[in-house]
Amino acid sequence: MPRYLSLHTLACMTRQGAEALVATLGAGADGIALRRTAWNFLDGKMIAEIEAPDRQSAERWLEEKGLRPQWLMRIEYESDGASLRPV
């Protein structure tokens, strides 16, 4: 299934708030699954990696969760060191 990265600005998010948000996102729905998140509380940023059938489904799911991404990117290639491979 295609994977997407999204960047979100979450002002004044506490660790407890982040844990609650991750629990909500982790529940998934409509064939969409949260793979992982990365946080920077100092800058108020979160990056989420999700699996979704298509971009429109990913956008709709994020909006339903109350998240409007600054950007949403489909992952086409990735590396795990020195080699690049298609996803």
PDB file of N, CA and C in Angstrom:
ATOM      1  N   MET A   1       0.850  -1.176   0.000  1.00  0.00           N
ATOM      2  CA  MET A   1       0.000   0.000   0.000  1.00  0.00           C
ATOM      3  C   MET A   1       0.893   1.236   0.000  1.00  0.00           C
ATOM      4  N   PRO A   2       0.504   2.285  -0.713  1.00  0.00           N
ATOM      5  CA  PRO A   2       1.309   3.518  -0.726  1.00  0.00           C
ATOM      6  C   PRO A   2       1.483   4.098   0.680  1.00  0.00           C
ATOM      7  N   ARG A   3       2.637   4.735   0.860  1.00  0.00           N
ATOM      8  CA  ARG A   3       2.932   5.394   2.131  1.00  0.00           C
ATOM      9  C   ARG A   3       3.118   6.881   1.885  1.00  0.00           C
ATOM     10  N   TYR A   4       2.756   7.676   2.901  1.00  0.00           N
ATOM     11  CA  TYR A   4       2.816   9.135   2.808  1.00  0.00           C
ATOM     12  C   TYR A   4       3.464   9.697   4.064  1.00  0.00           C
ATOM     13  N   LEU A   5       4.184  10.799   3.893  1.00  0.00           N
ATOM     14  CA  LEU A   5       4.702  11.581   5.006  1.00  0.00           C
ATOM     15  C   LEU A   5       3.951  12.898   5.038  1.00  0.00           C
ATOM     16  N   SER A   6       3.612  13.344   6.239  1.00  0.00           N
ATOM     17  CA  SER A   6       2.957  14.640   6.387  1.00  0.00           C
ATOM     18  C   SER A   6       3.629  15.415   7.505  1.00  0.00           C
ATOM     19  N   LEU A   7       3.690  16.734   7.342  1.00  0.00           N
ATOM     20  CA  LEU A   7       4.262  17.621   8.352  1.00  0.00           C
ATOM     21  C   LEU A   7       3.150  18.459   8.944  1.00  0.00           C
ATOM     22  N   HIS A   8       3.140  18.533  10.280  1.00  0.00           N
ATOM     23  CA  HIS A   8       2.101  19.266  10.998  1.00  0.00           C
ATOM     24  C   HIS A   8       2.725  20.192  12.032  1.00  0.00           C
ATOM     25  N   THR A   9       2.158  21.374  12.184  1.00  0.00           N
ATOM     26  CA  THR A   9       2.524  22.288  13.256  1.00  0.00           C
ATOM     27  C   THR A   9       1.467  22.145  14.342  1.00  0.00           C
ATOM     28  N   LEU A  10       1.906  21.800  15.533  1.00  0.00           N
ATOM     29  CA  LEU A  10       1.002  21.564  16.657  1.00  0.00           C
ATOM     30  C   LEU A  10       1.468  22.424  17.825  1.00  0.00           C
ATOM     31  N   ALA A  11       1.012  23.648  17.859  1.00  0.00           N
ATOM     32  CA  ALA A  11       1.445  24.595  18.885  1.00  0.00           C
ATOM     33  C   ALA A  11       1.009  24.135  20.268  1.00  0.00           C
ATOM     34  N   CYS A  12       1.898  24.301  21.225  1.00  0.00           N
ATOM     35  CA  CYS A  12       1.606  24.028  22.647  1.00  0.00           C
ATOM     36  C   CYS A  12       1.179  22.594  22.913  1.00  0.00           C
ATOM     37  N   MET A  13       1.675  21.639  22.163  1.00  0.00           N
ATOM     38  CA  MET A  13       1.324  20.235  22.380  1.00  0.00           C
ATOM     39  C   MET A  13       2.172  19.683  23.519  1.00  0.00           C
ATOM     40  N   THR A  14       1.528  19.076  24.493  1.00  0.00           N
ATOM     41  CA  THR A  14       2.236  18.427  25.591  1.00  0.00           C
ATOM     42  C   THR A  14       2.495  16.969  25.240  1.00  0.00           C
ATOM     43  N   ARG A  15       3.335  16.324  26.015  1.00  0.00           N
ATOM     44  CA  ARG A  15       3.594  14.909  25.771  1.00  0.00           C
ATOM     45  C   ARG A  15       2.305  14.100  25.950  1.00  0.00           C
ATOM     46  N   GLN A  16       1.510  14.457  26.946  1.00  0.00           N
ATOM     47  CA  GLN A  16       0.253  13.751  27.172  1.00  0.00           C
ATOM     48  C   GLN A  16      -0.706  13.958  25.987  1.00  0.00           C
ATOM     49  N   GLY A  17      -0.737  15.169  25.459  1.00  0.00           N
ATOM     50  CA  GLY A  17      -1.558  15.440  24.281  1.00  0.00           C
ATOM     51  C   GLY A  17      -1.079  14.661  23.071  1.00  0.00           C
ATOM     52  N   ALA A  18       0.243  14.575  22.930  1.00  0.00           N
ATOM     53  CA  ALA A  18       0.825  13.823  21.819  1.00  0.00           C
ATOM     54  C   ALA A  18       0.489  12.340  21.942  1.00  0.00           C
ATOM     55  N   GLU A  19       0.568  11.804  23.157  1.00  0.00           N
ATOM     56  CA  GLU A  19       0.234  10.394  23.365  1.00  0.00           C
ATOM     57  C   GLU A  19      -1.231  10.126  23.020  1.00  0.00           C
ATOM     58  N   ALA A  20      -2.115  11.042  23.398  1.00  0.00           N
ATOM     59  CA  ALA A  20      -3.536  10.894  23.085  1.00  0.00           C
ATOM     60  C   ALA A  20      -3.760  10.963  21.569  1.00  0.00           C
ATOM     61  N   LEU A  21      -3.063  11.883  20.903  1.00  0.00           N
ATOM     62  CA  LEU A  21      -3.203  12.007  19.453  1.00  0.00           C
ATOM     63  C   LEU A  21      -2.700  10.746  18.757  1.00  0.00           C
ATOM     64  N   VAL A  22      -1.574  10.215  19.191  1.00  0.00           N
ATOM     65  CA  VAL A  22      -1.027   8.993  18.593  1.00  0.00           C
ATOM     66  C   VAL A  22      -2.003   7.826  18.791  1.00  0.00           C
ATOM     67  N   ALA A  23      -2.613   7.745  19.967  1.00  0.00           N
ATOM     68  CA  ALA A  23      -3.595   6.683  20.212  1.00  0.00           C
ATOM     69  C   ALA A  23      -4.781   6.817  19.266  1.00  0.00           C
ATOM     70  N   THR A  24      -5.234   8.048  19.048  1.00  0.00           N
ATOM     71  CA  THR A  24      -6.349   8.292  18.131  1.00  0.00           C
ATOM     72  C   THR A  24      -5.955   7.943  16.700  1.00  0.00           C
ATOM     73  N   LEU A  25      -4.782   8.388  16.272  1.00  0.00           N
ATOM     74  CA  LEU A  25      -4.325   8.108  14.916  1.00  0.00           C
ATOM     75  C   LEU A  25      -4.033   6.627  14.726  1.00  0.00           C
ATOM     76  N   GLY A  26      -3.523   5.988  15.770  1.00  0.00           N
ATOM     77  CA  GLY A  26      -3.158   4.572  15.686  1.00  0.00           C
ATOM     78  C   GLY A  26      -4.348   3.657  15.486  1.00  0.00           C
ATOM     79  N   ALA A  27      -5.537   4.147  15.818  1.00  0.00           N
ATOM     80  CA  ALA A  27      -6.734   3.332  15.639  1.00  0.00           C
ATOM     81  C   ALA A  27      -7.007   3.075  14.159  1.00  0.00           C
ATOM     82  N   GLY A  28      -6.584   3.998  13.294  1.00  0.00           N
ATOM     83  CA  GLY A  28      -6.771   3.839  11.858  1.00  0.00           C
ATOM     84  C   GLY A  28      -8.243   3.767  11.475  1.00  0.00           C
ATOM     85  N   ALA A  29      -8.511   3.696  10.206  1.00  0.00           N
ATOM     86  CA  ALA A  29      -9.875   3.557   9.676  1.00  0.00           C
ATOM     87  C   ALA A  29      -9.822   3.603   8.168  1.00  0.00           C
ATOM     88  N   ASP A  30     -10.824   3.010   7.537  1.00  0.00           N
ATOM     89  CA  ASP A  30     -10.959   3.084   6.078  1.00  0.00           C
ATOM     90  C   ASP A  30      -9.696   2.635   5.344  1.00  0.00           C
ATOM     91  N   GLY A  31      -9.025   1.606   5.857  1.00  0.00           N
ATOM     92  CA  GLY A  31      -7.833   1.103   5.194  1.00  0.00           C
ATOM     93  C   GLY A  31      -6.609   1.975   5.362  1.00  0.00           C
ATOM     94  N   ILE A  32      -6.639   2.897   6.313  1.00  0.00           N
ATOM     95  CA  ILE A  32      -5.506   3.792   6.549  1.00  0.00           C
ATOM     96  C   ILE A  32      -4.868   3.427   7.880  1.00  0.00           C
ATOM     97  N   ALA A  33      -3.538   3.375   7.889  1.00  0.00           N
ATOM     98  CA  ALA A  33      -2.828   2.980   9.105  1.00  0.00           C
ATOM     99  C   ALA A  33      -1.667   3.932   9.379  1.00  0.00           C
ATOM    100  N   LEU A  34      -1.515   4.283  10.636  1.00  0.00           N
ATOM    101  CA  LEU A  34      -0.369   5.072  11.075  1.00  0.00           C
ATOM    102  C   LEU A  34       0.813   4.134  11.239  1.00  0.00           C
ATOM    103  N   ARG A  35       1.930   4.448  10.589  1.00  0.00           N
ATOM    104  CA  ARG A  35       3.142   3.632  10.727  1.00  0.00           C
ATOM    105  C   ARG A  35       4.019   4.161  11.852  1.00  0.00           C
ATOM    106  N   ARG A  36       4.220   5.488  11.869  1.00  0.00           N
ATOM    107  CA  ARG A  36       5.053   6.080  12.922  1.00  0.00           C
ATOM    108  C   ARG A  36       4.911   7.590  12.897  1.00  0.00           C
ATOM    109  N   THR A  37       5.363   8.202  13.982  1.00  0.00           N
ATOM    110  CA  THR A  37       5.409   9.656  14.066  1.00  0.00           C
ATOM    111  C   THR A  37       6.774  10.059  14.608  1.00  0.00           C
ATOM    112  N   ALA A  38       7.159  11.292  14.314  1.00  0.00           N
ATOM    113  CA  ALA A  38       8.382  11.891  14.865  1.00  0.00           C
ATOM    114  C   ALA A  38       7.996  13.283  15.348  1.00  0.00           C
ATOM    115  N   TRP A  39       8.475  13.652  16.536  1.00  0.00           N
ATOM    116  CA  TRP A  39       8.044  14.885  17.197  1.00  0.00           C
ATOM    117  C   TRP A  39       9.223  15.772  17.559  1.00  0.00           C
ATOM    118  N   ASN A  40       8.966  17.092  17.523  1.00  0.00           N
ATOM    119  CA  ASN A  40       9.867  18.081  18.095  1.00  0.00           C
ATOM    120  C   ASN A  40       8.981  19.071  18.843  1.00  0.00           C
ATOM    121  N   PHE A  41       8.934  18.913  20.163  1.00  0.00           N
ATOM    122  CA  PHE A  41       8.058  19.758  20.974  1.00  0.00           C
ATOM    123  C   PHE A  41       8.544  21.201  21.023  1.00  0.00           C
ATOM    124  N   LEU A  42       9.853  21.411  20.960  1.00  0.00           N
ATOM    125  CA  LEU A  42      10.391  22.766  20.999  1.00  0.00           C
ATOM    126  C   LEU A  42       9.894  23.586  19.811  1.00  0.00           C
ATOM    127  N   ASP A  43       9.887  22.980  18.629  1.00  0.00           N
ATOM    128  CA  ASP A  43       9.415  23.667  17.424  1.00  0.00           C
ATOM    129  C   ASP A  43       7.926  23.461  17.172  1.00  0.00           C
ATOM    130  N   GLY A  44       7.280  22.571  17.935  1.00  0.00           N
ATOM    131  CA  GLY A  44       5.860  22.302  17.743  1.00  0.00           C
ATOM    132  C   GLY A  44       5.558  21.615  16.427  1.00  0.00           C
ATOM    133  N   LYS A  45       6.391  20.633  16.055  1.00  0.00           N
ATOM    134  CA  LYS A  45       6.230  19.946  14.771  1.00  0.00           C
ATOM    135  C   LYS A  45       6.071  18.448  14.971  1.00  0.00           C
ATOM    136  N   MET A  46       5.307  17.840  14.080  1.00  0.00           N
ATOM    137  CA  MET A  46       5.155  16.388  14.034  1.00  0.00           C
ATOM    138  C   MET A  46       5.201  15.949  12.584  1.00  0.00           C
ATOM    139  N   ILE A  47       5.920  14.879  12.332  1.00  0.00           N
ATOM    140  CA  ILE A  47       5.895  14.224  11.027  1.00  0.00           C
ATOM    141  C   ILE A  47       5.214  12.882  11.234  1.00  0.00           C
ATOM    142  N   ALA A  48       4.262  12.572  10.378  1.00  0.00           N
ATOM    143  CA  ALA A  48       3.548  11.300  10.459  1.00  0.00           C
ATOM    144  C   ALA A  48       3.786  10.518   9.173  1.00  0.00           C
ATOM    145  N   GLU A  49       3.970   9.230   9.321  1.00  0.00           N
ATOM    146  CA  GLU A  49       4.044   8.334   8.167  1.00  0.00           C
ATOM    147  C   GLU A  49       2.805   7.451   8.223  1.00  0.00           C
ATOM    148  N   ILE A  50       2.029   7.480   7.148  1.00  0.00           N
ATOM    149  CA  ILE A  50       0.802   6.698   7.113  1.00  0.00           C
ATOM    150  C   ILE A  50       0.737   5.877   5.833  1.00  0.00           C
ATOM    151  N   GLU A  51      -0.021   4.801   5.896  1.00  0.00           N
ATOM    152  CA  GLU A  51      -0.331   4.006   4.715  1.00  0.00           C
ATOM    153  C   GLU A  51      -1.767   4.337   4.324  1.00  0.00           C
ATOM    154  N   ALA A  52      -1.963   4.608   3.048  1.00  0.00           N
ATOM    155  CA  ALA A  52      -3.300   4.941   2.553  1.00  0.00           C
ATOM    156  C   ALA A  52      -3.415   4.489   1.100  1.00  0.00           C
ATOM    157  N   PRO A  53      -4.625   4.154   0.670  1.00  0.00           N
ATOM    158  CA  PRO A  53      -4.794   3.700  -0.713  1.00  0.00           C
ATOM    159  C   PRO A  53      -4.417   4.751  -1.754  1.00  0.00           C
ATOM    160  N   ASP A  54      -4.662   6.040  -1.428  1.00  0.00           N
ATOM    161  CA  ASP A  54      -4.344   7.116  -2.366  1.00  0.00           C
ATOM    162  C   ASP A  54      -4.241   8.434  -1.594  1.00  0.00           C
ATOM    163  N   ARG A  55      -3.776   9.460  -2.284  1.00  0.00           N
ATOM    164  CA  ARG A  55      -3.549  10.761  -1.650  1.00  0.00           C
ATOM    165  C   ARG A  55      -4.846  11.373  -1.098  1.00  0.00           C
ATOM    166  N   GLN A  56      -5.922  11.265  -1.866  1.00  0.00           N
ATOM    167  CA  GLN A  56      -7.184  11.851  -1.423  1.00  0.00           C
ATOM    168  C   GLN A  56      -7.670  11.191  -0.126  1.00  0.00           C
ATOM    169  N   SER A  57      -7.512   9.898  -0.012  1.00  0.00           N
ATOM    170  CA  SER A  57      -7.897   9.196   1.216  1.00  0.00           C
ATOM    171  C   SER A  57      -7.042   9.643   2.385  1.00  0.00           C
ATOM    172  N   ALA A  58      -5.746   9.818   2.147  1.00  0.00           N
ATOM    173  CA  ALA A  58      -4.839  10.280   3.203  1.00  0.00           C
ATOM    174  C   ALA A  58      -5.224  11.683   3.659  1.00  0.00           C
ATOM    175  N   GLU A  59      -5.477  12.575   2.712  1.00  0.00           N
ATOM    176  CA  GLU A  59      -5.872  13.948   3.053  1.00  0.00           C
ATOM    177  C   GLU A  59      -7.179  13.968   3.841  1.00  0.00           C
ATOM    178  N   ARG A  60      -8.157  13.205   3.381  1.00  0.00           N
ATOM    179  CA  ARG A  60      -9.462  13.163   4.045  1.00  0.00           C
ATOM    180  C   ARG A  60      -9.327  12.611   5.468  1.00  0.00           C
ATOM    181  N   TRP A  61      -8.550  11.549   5.645  1.00  0.00           N
ATOM    182  CA  TRP A  61      -8.359  10.929   6.955  1.00  0.00           C
ATOM    183  C   TRP A  61      -7.683  11.899   7.921  1.00  0.00           C
ATOM    184  N   LEU A  62      -6.640  12.577   7.455  1.00  0.00           N
ATOM    185  CA  LEU A  62      -5.956  13.552   8.318  1.00  0.00           C
ATOM    186  C   LEU A  62      -6.910  14.669   8.723  1.00  0.00           C
ATOM    187  N   GLU A  63      -7.698  15.152   7.781  1.00  0.00           N
ATOM    188  CA  GLU A  63      -8.641  16.222   8.099  1.00  0.00           C
ATOM    189  C   GLU A  63      -9.705  15.751   9.090  1.00  0.00           C
ATOM    190  N   GLU A  64     -10.178  14.530   8.933  1.00  0.00           N
ATOM    191  CA  GLU A  64     -11.151  13.977   9.880  1.00  0.00           C
ATOM    192  C   GLU A  64     -10.566  13.895  11.286  1.00  0.00           C
ATOM    193  N   LYS A  65      -9.259  13.709  11.377  1.00  0.00           N
ATOM    194  CA  LYS A  65      -8.579  13.641  12.671  1.00  0.00           C
ATOM    195  C   LYS A  65      -8.227  15.035  13.200  1.00  0.00           C
ATOM    196  N   GLY A  66      -8.599  16.074  12.443  1.00  0.00           N
ATOM    197  CA  GLY A  66      -8.330  17.442  12.879  1.00  0.00           C
ATOM    198  C   GLY A  66      -6.929  17.921  12.563  1.00  0.00           C
ATOM    199  N   LEU A  67      -6.272  17.257  11.629  1.00  0.00           N
ATOM    200  CA  LEU A  67      -4.905  17.620  11.258  1.00  0.00           C
ATOM    201  C   LEU A  67      -4.866  18.144   9.839  1.00  0.00           C
ATOM    202  N   ARG A  68      -4.338  19.343   9.685  1.00  0.00           N
ATOM    203  CA  ARG A  68      -4.142  19.913   8.349  1.00  0.00           C
ATOM    204  C   ARG A  68      -2.637  19.968   8.104  1.00  0.00           C
ATOM    205  N   PRO A  69      -2.141  19.122   7.236  1.00  0.00           N
ATOM    206  CA  PRO A  69      -0.696  19.094   7.023  1.00  0.00           C
ATOM    207  C   PRO A  69      -0.183  20.332   6.283  1.00  0.00           C
ATOM    208  N   GLN A  70       1.042  20.737   6.640  1.00  0.00           N
ATOM    209  CA  GLN A  70       1.713  21.781   5.864  1.00  0.00           C
ATOM    210  C   GLN A  70       2.066  21.225   4.502  1.00  0.00           C
ATOM    211  N   TRP A  71       2.423  19.950   4.477  1.00  0.00           N
ATOM    212  CA  TRP A  71       2.638  19.259   3.217  1.00  0.00           C
ATOM    213  C   TRP A  71       2.389  17.774   3.407  1.00  0.00           C
ATOM    214  N   LEU A  72       2.063  17.123   2.300  1.00  0.00           N
ATOM    215  CA  LEU A  72       1.814  15.691   2.266  1.00  0.00           C
ATOM    216  C   LEU A  72       2.559  15.150   1.060  1.00  0.00           C
ATOM    217  N   MET A  73       3.395  14.148   1.286  1.00  0.00           N
ATOM    218  CA  MET A  73       4.257  13.635   0.224  1.00  0.00           C
ATOM    219  C   MET A  73       4.136  12.119   0.140  1.00  0.00           C
ATOM    220  N   ARG A  74       3.879  11.622  -1.060  1.00  0.00           N
ATOM    221  CA  ARG A  74       3.912  10.173  -1.263  1.00  0.00           C
ATOM    222  C   ARG A  74       5.368   9.730  -1.315  1.00  0.00           C
ATOM    223  N   ILE A  75       5.664   8.655  -0.621  1.00  0.00           N
ATOM    224  CA  ILE A  75       7.027   8.108  -0.614  1.00  0.00           C
ATOM    225  C   ILE A  75       7.163   7.194  -1.828  1.00  0.00           C
ATOM    226  N   GLU A  76       8.061   7.558  -2.729  1.00  0.00           N
ATOM    227  CA  GLU A  76       8.292   6.753  -3.929  1.00  0.00           C
ATOM    228  C   GLU A  76       9.571   5.926  -3.822  1.00  0.00           C
ATOM    229  N   TYR A  77      10.580   6.494  -3.157  1.00  0.00           N
ATOM    230  CA  TYR A  77      11.854   5.812  -2.962  1.00  0.00           C
ATOM    231  C   TYR A  77      12.292   6.020  -1.518  1.00  0.00           C
ATOM    232  N   GLU A  78      13.084   5.085  -1.016  1.00  0.00           N
ATOM    233  CA  GLU A  78      13.669   5.240   0.308  1.00  0.00           C
ATOM    234  C   GLU A  78      15.034   4.593   0.326  1.00  0.00           C
ATOM    235  N   SER A  79      15.813   4.944   1.331  1.00  0.00           N
ATOM    236  CA  SER A  79      17.125   4.330   1.494  1.00  0.00           C
ATOM    237  C   SER A  79      17.271   3.873   2.925  1.00  0.00           C
ATOM    238  N   ASP A  80      18.150   2.919   3.110  1.00  0.00           N
ATOM    239  CA  ASP A  80      18.477   2.459   4.443  1.00  0.00           C
ATOM    240  C   ASP A  80      20.002   2.468   4.597  1.00  0.00           C
ATOM    241  N   GLY A  81      20.575   3.553   4.199  1.00  0.00           N
ATOM    242  CA  GLY A  81      22.025   3.693   4.202  1.00  0.00           C
ATOM    243  C   GLY A  81      22.472   4.161   2.839  1.00  0.00           C
ATOM    244  N   ALA A  82      23.263   3.346   2.169  1.00  0.00           N
ATOM    245  CA  ALA A  82      23.875   3.770   0.921  1.00  0.00           C
ATOM    246  C   ALA A  82      23.094   3.369  -0.327  1.00  0.00           C
ATOM    247  N   SER A  83      21.992   2.637  -0.183  1.00  0.00           N
ATOM    248  CA  SER A  83      21.271   2.197  -1.383  1.00  0.00           C
ATOM    249  C   SER A  83      19.865   2.780  -1.443  1.00  0.00           C
ATOM    250  N   LEU A  84      19.480   3.203  -2.636  1.00  0.00           N
ATOM    251  CA  LEU A  84      18.152   3.761  -2.876  1.00  0.00           C
ATOM    252  C   LEU A  84      17.307   2.697  -3.550  1.00  0.00           C
ATOM    253  N   ARG A  85      16.068   2.541  -3.070  1.00  0.00           N
ATOM    254  CA  ARG A  85      15.190   1.521  -3.672  1.00  0.00           C
ATOM    255  C   ARG A  85      13.768   2.050  -3.754  1.00  0.00           C
ATOM    256  N   PRO A  86      13.027   1.586  -4.755  1.00  0.00           N
ATOM    257  CA  PRO A  86      11.631   2.017  -4.856  1.00  0.00           C
ATOM    258  C   PRO A  86      10.805   1.395  -3.729  1.00  0.00           C
ATOM    259  N   VAL A  87       9.770   2.092  -3.358  1.00  0.00           N
ATOM    260  CA  VAL A  87       8.883   1.573  -2.302  1.00  0.00           C
ATOM    261  C   VAL A  87       7.755   0.809  -2.937  1.00  0.00           C
TER     262      VAL A  87
END
